[in-house]
Amino acid sequence: MRFTTTSDRSCGGTMMRSAYSVEPITCHRVDKAFALAKLARPSLTVEVWRRFCRSAIVAASQNDGRSASVLVAVNSSEYVQALCVHRTEDVEGTQVLSVRCFIVASTLDPSGVQRELVRALIDTCRKQNRREMRIERGCLDAGAVAQLEASGFRPAGEWMCFTL
């Protein structure tokens, strides 16, 4: 699953073209994404992160929808701009895509990167026949919460929720 978008931005009178690709993490991006994962969990070690990602990569290859999945957003220069970790959870009898780690590290276009990451998550919901998605509020800054609300998410306790 690979999602790509492009957007034009004006910078000092010249147009810059930026592109983001959102895809499941691969072996060659595990170490590149570690710094973002550490933002979410400062005590995380690179060894634990590598084991977690290996398990997510194996689960993805076996189409195990219940295990944790890791998505990364990369720019056209192959720099990791965002990271999220999600899994399907049973919430009061409903299968919900739960996102417990949602980190956007782009300084030039954080809202564009976030938008593409949310689009990829919505597409994942559709492919897995999930009608609901939720993102833990504790991993979002105020700007991200505002952008999610503008996109149709609603606050519900510790979560930002979206119904397809």
C-alpha atoms as a PDB file:
ATOM      1  CA  MET A   1       0.000   0.000   0.000  1.00  0.00           C
ATOM      2  CA  ARG A   2       1.623   3.251  -1.115  1.00  0.00           C
ATOM      3  CA  PHE A   3      -0.047   6.662  -1.133  1.00  0.00           C
ATOM      4  CA  THR A   4       1.575   9.586  -2.906  1.00  0.00           C
ATOM      5  CA  THR A   5       0.580  13.212  -3.134  1.00  0.00           C
ATOM      6  CA  THR A   6       2.170  16.378  -4.387  1.00  0.00           C
ATOM      7  CA  SER A   7       1.565  19.959  -3.407  1.00  0.00           C
ATOM      8  CA  ASP A   8       2.957  23.245  -4.639  1.00  0.00           C
ATOM      9  CA  ARG A   9       4.072  25.878  -2.148  1.00  0.00           C
ATOM     10  CA  SER A  10       5.352  29.355  -2.826  1.00  0.00           C
ATOM     11  CA  CYS A  11       8.689  30.185  -1.222  1.00  0.00           C
ATOM     12  CA  GLY A  12      10.227  33.572  -1.881  1.00  0.00           C
ATOM     13  CA  GLY A  13       8.514  33.903  -5.239  1.00  0.00           C
ATOM     14  CA  THR A  14       9.564  30.489  -6.510  1.00  0.00           C
ATOM     15  CA  MET A  15       7.470  27.352  -6.464  1.00  0.00           C
ATOM     16  CA  MET A  16       8.673  24.379  -4.456  1.00  0.00           C
ATOM     17  CA  ARG A  17       7.270  20.958  -5.224  1.00  0.00           C
ATOM     18  CA  SER A  18       6.982  18.528  -2.329  1.00  0.00           C
ATOM     19  CA  ALA A  19       5.725  14.975  -2.428  1.00  0.00           C
ATOM     20  CA  TYR A  20       4.898  12.582   0.384  1.00  0.00           C
ATOM     21  CA  SER A  21       4.577   8.863   0.214  1.00  0.00           C
ATOM     22  CA  VAL A  22       2.821   7.032   3.045  1.00  0.00           C
ATOM     23  CA  GLU A  23       3.596   3.338   3.286  1.00  0.00           C
ATOM     24  CA  PRO A  24       4.137   0.499   5.747  1.00  0.00           C
ATOM     25  CA  ILE A  25       7.562   0.596   7.320  1.00  0.00           C
ATOM     26  CA  THR A  26      10.248  -1.469   5.616  1.00  0.00           C
ATOM     27  CA  CYS A  27      13.554  -2.782   6.915  1.00  0.00           C
ATOM     28  CA  HIS A  28      15.554   0.045   5.345  1.00  0.00           C
ATOM     29  CA  ARG A  29      13.417   2.711   7.069  1.00  0.00           C
ATOM     30  CA  VAL A  30      13.364   1.263  10.589  1.00  0.00           C
ATOM     31  CA  ASP A  31      16.465   3.117  11.788  1.00  0.00           C
ATOM     32  CA  LYS A  32      15.457   6.283   9.916  1.00  0.00           C
ATOM     33  CA  ALA A  33      12.134   6.327  11.793  1.00  0.00           C
ATOM     34  CA  PHE A  34      13.663   5.654  15.210  1.00  0.00           C
ATOM     35  CA  ALA A  35      14.108   9.335  16.119  1.00  0.00           C
ATOM     36  CA  LEU A  36      10.374   9.921  15.602  1.00  0.00           C
ATOM     37  CA  ALA A  37       9.443   6.840  17.614  1.00  0.00           C
ATOM     38  CA  LYS A  38      11.664   8.092  20.424  1.00  0.00           C
ATOM     39  CA  LEU A  39       9.690  11.349  20.480  1.00  0.00           C
ATOM     40  CA  ALA A  40       6.618   9.318  21.367  1.00  0.00           C
ATOM     41  CA  ARG A  41       8.419   7.121  23.895  1.00  0.00           C
ATOM     42  CA  PRO A  42      11.671   8.688  25.180  1.00  0.00           C
ATOM     43  CA  SER A  43      12.771   5.521  27.005  1.00  0.00           C
ATOM     44  CA  LEU A  44      12.615   3.469  23.778  1.00  0.00           C
ATOM     45  CA  THR A  45      15.874   1.805  22.751  1.00  0.00           C
ATOM     46  CA  VAL A  46      16.879   1.148  19.169  1.00  0.00           C
ATOM     47  CA  GLU A  47      16.976  -2.616  19.851  1.00  0.00           C
ATOM     48  CA  VAL A  48      13.385  -2.651  21.135  1.00  0.00           C
ATOM     49  CA  TRP A  49      12.279  -0.482  18.195  1.00  0.00           C
ATOM     50  CA  ARG A  50      13.943  -2.811  15.687  1.00  0.00           C
ATOM     51  CA  ARG A  51      12.269  -5.891  17.248  1.00  0.00           C
ATOM     52  CA  PHE A  52       8.885  -4.147  17.251  1.00  0.00           C
ATOM     53  CA  CYS A  53       9.254  -3.157  13.587  1.00  0.00           C
ATOM     54  CA  ARG A  54      10.429  -6.646  12.554  1.00  0.00           C
ATOM     55  CA  SER A  55       7.314  -8.096  14.149  1.00  0.00           C
ATOM     56  CA  ALA A  56       5.108  -5.484  12.407  1.00  0.00           C
ATOM     57  CA  ILE A  57       6.743  -6.212   9.036  1.00  0.00           C
ATOM     58  CA  VAL A  58       6.206  -9.963   9.456  1.00  0.00           C
ATOM     59  CA  ALA A  59       2.573  -9.445  10.534  1.00  0.00           C
ATOM     60  CA  ALA A  60       1.958  -7.189   7.520  1.00  0.00           C
ATOM     61  CA  SER A  61       3.346  -9.837   5.170  1.00  0.00           C
ATOM     62  CA  GLN A  62       0.902 -12.341   6.662  1.00  0.00           C
ATOM     63  CA  ASN A  63      -2.072  -9.929   6.452  1.00  0.00           C
ATOM     64  CA  ASP A  64      -2.565 -10.117  10.214  1.00  0.00           C
ATOM     65  CA  GLY A  65      -4.977  -7.235  10.790  1.00  0.00           C
ATOM     66  CA  ARG A  66      -4.873  -7.611  14.587  1.00  0.00           C
ATOM     67  CA  SER A  67      -1.142  -6.953  15.062  1.00  0.00           C
ATOM     68  CA  ALA A  68       0.409  -3.519  15.287  1.00  0.00           C
ATOM     69  CA  SER A  69       1.228  -1.847  11.967  1.00  0.00           C
ATOM     70  CA  VAL A  70       3.669   0.984  11.388  1.00  0.00           C
ATOM     71  CA  LEU A  71       3.177   3.593   8.668  1.00  0.00           C
ATOM     72  CA  VAL A  72       5.765   6.184   7.673  1.00  0.00           C
ATOM     73  CA  ALA A  73       5.424   9.260   5.507  1.00  0.00           C
ATOM     74  CA  VAL A  74       8.523  10.117   3.510  1.00  0.00           C
ATOM     75  CA  ASN A  75       9.267  13.097   1.328  1.00  0.00           C
ATOM     76  CA  SER A  76      10.756  13.057  -2.161  1.00  0.00           C
ATOM     77  CA  SER A  77      14.254  13.033  -0.628  1.00  0.00           C
ATOM     78  CA  GLU A  78      13.358   9.844   1.304  1.00  0.00           C
ATOM     79  CA  TYR A  79      13.411  11.568   4.720  1.00  0.00           C
ATOM     80  CA  VAL A  80      10.888  10.184   7.190  1.00  0.00           C
ATOM     81  CA  GLN A  81       8.461  13.025   7.912  1.00  0.00           C
ATOM     82  CA  ALA A  82       5.871  11.182  10.012  1.00  0.00           C
ATOM     83  CA  LEU A  83       5.211   7.946  11.809  1.00  0.00           C
ATOM     84  CA  CYS A  84       2.124   6.266  13.170  1.00  0.00           C
ATOM     85  CA  VAL A  85       1.441   2.954  14.854  1.00  0.00           C
ATOM     86  CA  HIS A  86      -2.028   1.461  14.629  1.00  0.00           C
ATOM     87  CA  ARG A  87      -3.887  -1.761  15.293  1.00  0.00           C
ATOM     88  CA  THR A  88      -7.429  -3.030  15.255  1.00  0.00           C
ATOM     89  CA  GLU A  89      -9.008  -3.167  18.700  1.00  0.00           C
ATOM     90  CA  ASP A  90     -12.378  -4.331  19.942  1.00  0.00           C
ATOM     91  CA  VAL A  91     -14.182  -1.340  21.466  1.00  0.00           C
ATOM     92  CA  GLU A  92     -17.563  -2.258  22.928  1.00  0.00           C
ATOM     93  CA  GLY A  93     -18.124  -4.924  20.269  1.00  0.00           C
ATOM     94  CA  THR A  94     -16.932  -2.778  17.348  1.00  0.00           C
ATOM     95  CA  GLN A  95     -13.656  -3.314  15.491  1.00  0.00           C
ATOM     96  CA  VAL A  96     -11.908   0.068  15.538  1.00  0.00           C
ATOM     97  CA  LEU A  97      -8.599   1.133  13.990  1.00  0.00           C
ATOM     98  CA  SER A  98      -6.753   2.623  16.978  1.00  0.00           C
ATOM     99  CA  VAL A  99      -3.735   4.884  16.505  1.00  0.00           C
ATOM    100  CA  ARG A 100      -1.624   5.221  19.638  1.00  0.00           C
ATOM    101  CA  CYS A 101       1.386   6.904  18.046  1.00  0.00           C
ATOM    102  CA  PHE A 102       0.959   9.744  15.538  1.00  0.00           C
ATOM    103  CA  ILE A 103       4.086  11.870  15.068  1.00  0.00           C
ATOM    104  CA  VAL A 104       4.548  14.478  12.341  1.00  0.00           C
ATOM    105  CA  ALA A 105       8.054  15.934  12.159  1.00  0.00           C
ATOM    106  CA  SER A 106       7.873  18.025   9.006  1.00  0.00           C
ATOM    107  CA  THR A 107       8.835  21.644   9.615  1.00  0.00           C
ATOM    108  CA  LEU A 108       7.928  22.850   6.112  1.00  0.00           C
ATOM    109  CA  ASP A 109       4.504  21.263   5.678  1.00  0.00           C
ATOM    110  CA  PRO A 110       3.209  19.570   8.849  1.00  0.00           C
ATOM    111  CA  SER A 111      -0.445  19.937   7.846  1.00  0.00           C
ATOM    112  CA  GLY A 112       0.199  18.409   4.402  1.00  0.00           C
ATOM    113  CA  VAL A 113       2.043  15.449   5.893  1.00  0.00           C
ATOM    114  CA  GLN A 114      -0.667  14.961   8.523  1.00  0.00           C
ATOM    115  CA  ARG A 115      -3.375  15.121   5.867  1.00  0.00           C
ATOM    116  CA  GLU A 116      -1.685  12.361   3.842  1.00  0.00           C
ATOM    117  CA  LEU A 117      -1.162  10.197   6.911  1.00  0.00           C
ATOM    118  CA  VAL A 118      -4.857  10.525   7.818  1.00  0.00           C
ATOM    119  CA  ARG A 119      -5.840   9.673   4.219  1.00  0.00           C
ATOM    120  CA  ALA A 120      -3.714   6.524   4.398  1.00  0.00           C
ATOM    121  CA  LEU A 121      -5.333   5.546   7.709  1.00  0.00           C
ATOM    122  CA  ILE A 122      -8.817   6.068   6.275  1.00  0.00           C
ATOM    123  CA  ASP A 123      -7.871   3.916   3.297  1.00  0.00           C
ATOM    124  CA  THR A 124      -6.615   1.239   5.701  1.00  0.00           C
ATOM    125  CA  CYS A 125      -9.978   1.351   7.500  1.00  0.00           C
ATOM    126  CA  ARG A 126     -11.817   0.858   4.234  1.00  0.00           C
ATOM    127  CA  LYS A 127      -9.595  -2.037   3.164  1.00  0.00           C
ATOM    128  CA  GLN A 128     -10.072  -3.732   6.540  1.00  0.00           C
ATOM    129  CA  ASN A 129     -13.839  -3.042   6.597  1.00  0.00           C
ATOM    130  CA  ARG A 130     -13.545  -0.850   9.702  1.00  0.00           C
ATOM    131  CA  ARG A 131     -16.166   1.855  10.156  1.00  0.00           C
ATOM    132  CA  GLU A 132     -14.339   3.741  12.902  1.00  0.00           C
ATOM    133  CA  MET A 133     -10.883   5.093  13.574  1.00  0.00           C
ATOM    134  CA  ARG A 134      -9.496   6.846  16.628  1.00  0.00           C
ATOM    135  CA  ILE A 135      -6.239   8.646  17.327  1.00  0.00           C
ATOM    136  CA  GLU A 136      -4.977   9.052  20.880  1.00  0.00           C
ATOM    137  CA  ARG A 137      -5.074  12.751  21.804  1.00  0.00           C
ATOM    138  CA  GLY A 138      -1.978  12.480  23.979  1.00  0.00           C
ATOM    139  CA  CYS A 139       0.227  12.114  20.909  1.00  0.00           C
ATOM    140  CA  LEU A 140      -1.189  15.186  19.142  1.00  0.00           C
ATOM    141  CA  ASP A 141      -0.326  18.854  19.504  1.00  0.00           C
ATOM    142  CA  ALA A 142      -3.003  21.576  19.475  1.00  0.00           C
ATOM    143  CA  GLY A 143      -2.508  22.284  15.762  1.00  0.00           C
ATOM    144  CA  ALA A 144      -2.963  18.616  14.875  1.00  0.00           C
ATOM    145  CA  VAL A 145      -6.135  18.395  16.979  1.00  0.00           C
ATOM    146  CA  ALA A 146      -7.557  21.487  15.255  1.00  0.00           C
ATOM    147  CA  GLN A 147      -6.743  20.080  11.807  1.00  0.00           C
ATOM    148  CA  LEU A 148      -8.349  16.732  12.686  1.00  0.00           C
ATOM    149  CA  GLU A 149     -11.485  18.486  13.933  1.00  0.00           C
ATOM    150  CA  ALA A 150     -11.635  20.460  10.666  1.00  0.00           C
ATOM    151  CA  SER A 151     -11.394  17.104   8.837  1.00  0.00           C
ATOM    152  CA  GLY A 152     -14.407  15.637  10.628  1.00  0.00           C
ATOM    153  CA  PHE A 153     -12.820  14.045  13.700  1.00  0.00           C
ATOM    154  CA  ARG A 154     -14.614  14.573  17.002  1.00  0.00           C
ATOM    155  CA  PRO A 155     -13.105  14.574  20.481  1.00  0.00           C
ATOM    156  CA  ALA A 156     -14.200  11.693  22.720  1.00  0.00           C
ATOM    157  CA  GLY A 157     -12.317  11.540  25.998  1.00  0.00           C
ATOM    158  CA  GLU A 158      -8.690  10.690  25.333  1.00  0.00           C
ATOM    159  CA  TRP A 159      -9.362  10.075  21.625  1.00  0.00           C
ATOM    160  CA  MET A 160     -10.068  11.949  18.407  1.00  0.00           C
ATOM    161  CA  CYS A 161     -12.639   9.759  16.609  1.00  0.00           C
ATOM    162  CA  PHE A 162     -13.715   9.477  12.982  1.00  0.00           C
ATOM    163  CA  THR A 163     -16.564   7.460  11.512  1.00  0.00           C
ATOM    164  CA  LEU A 164     -16.478   6.445   7.861  1.00  0.00           C
END
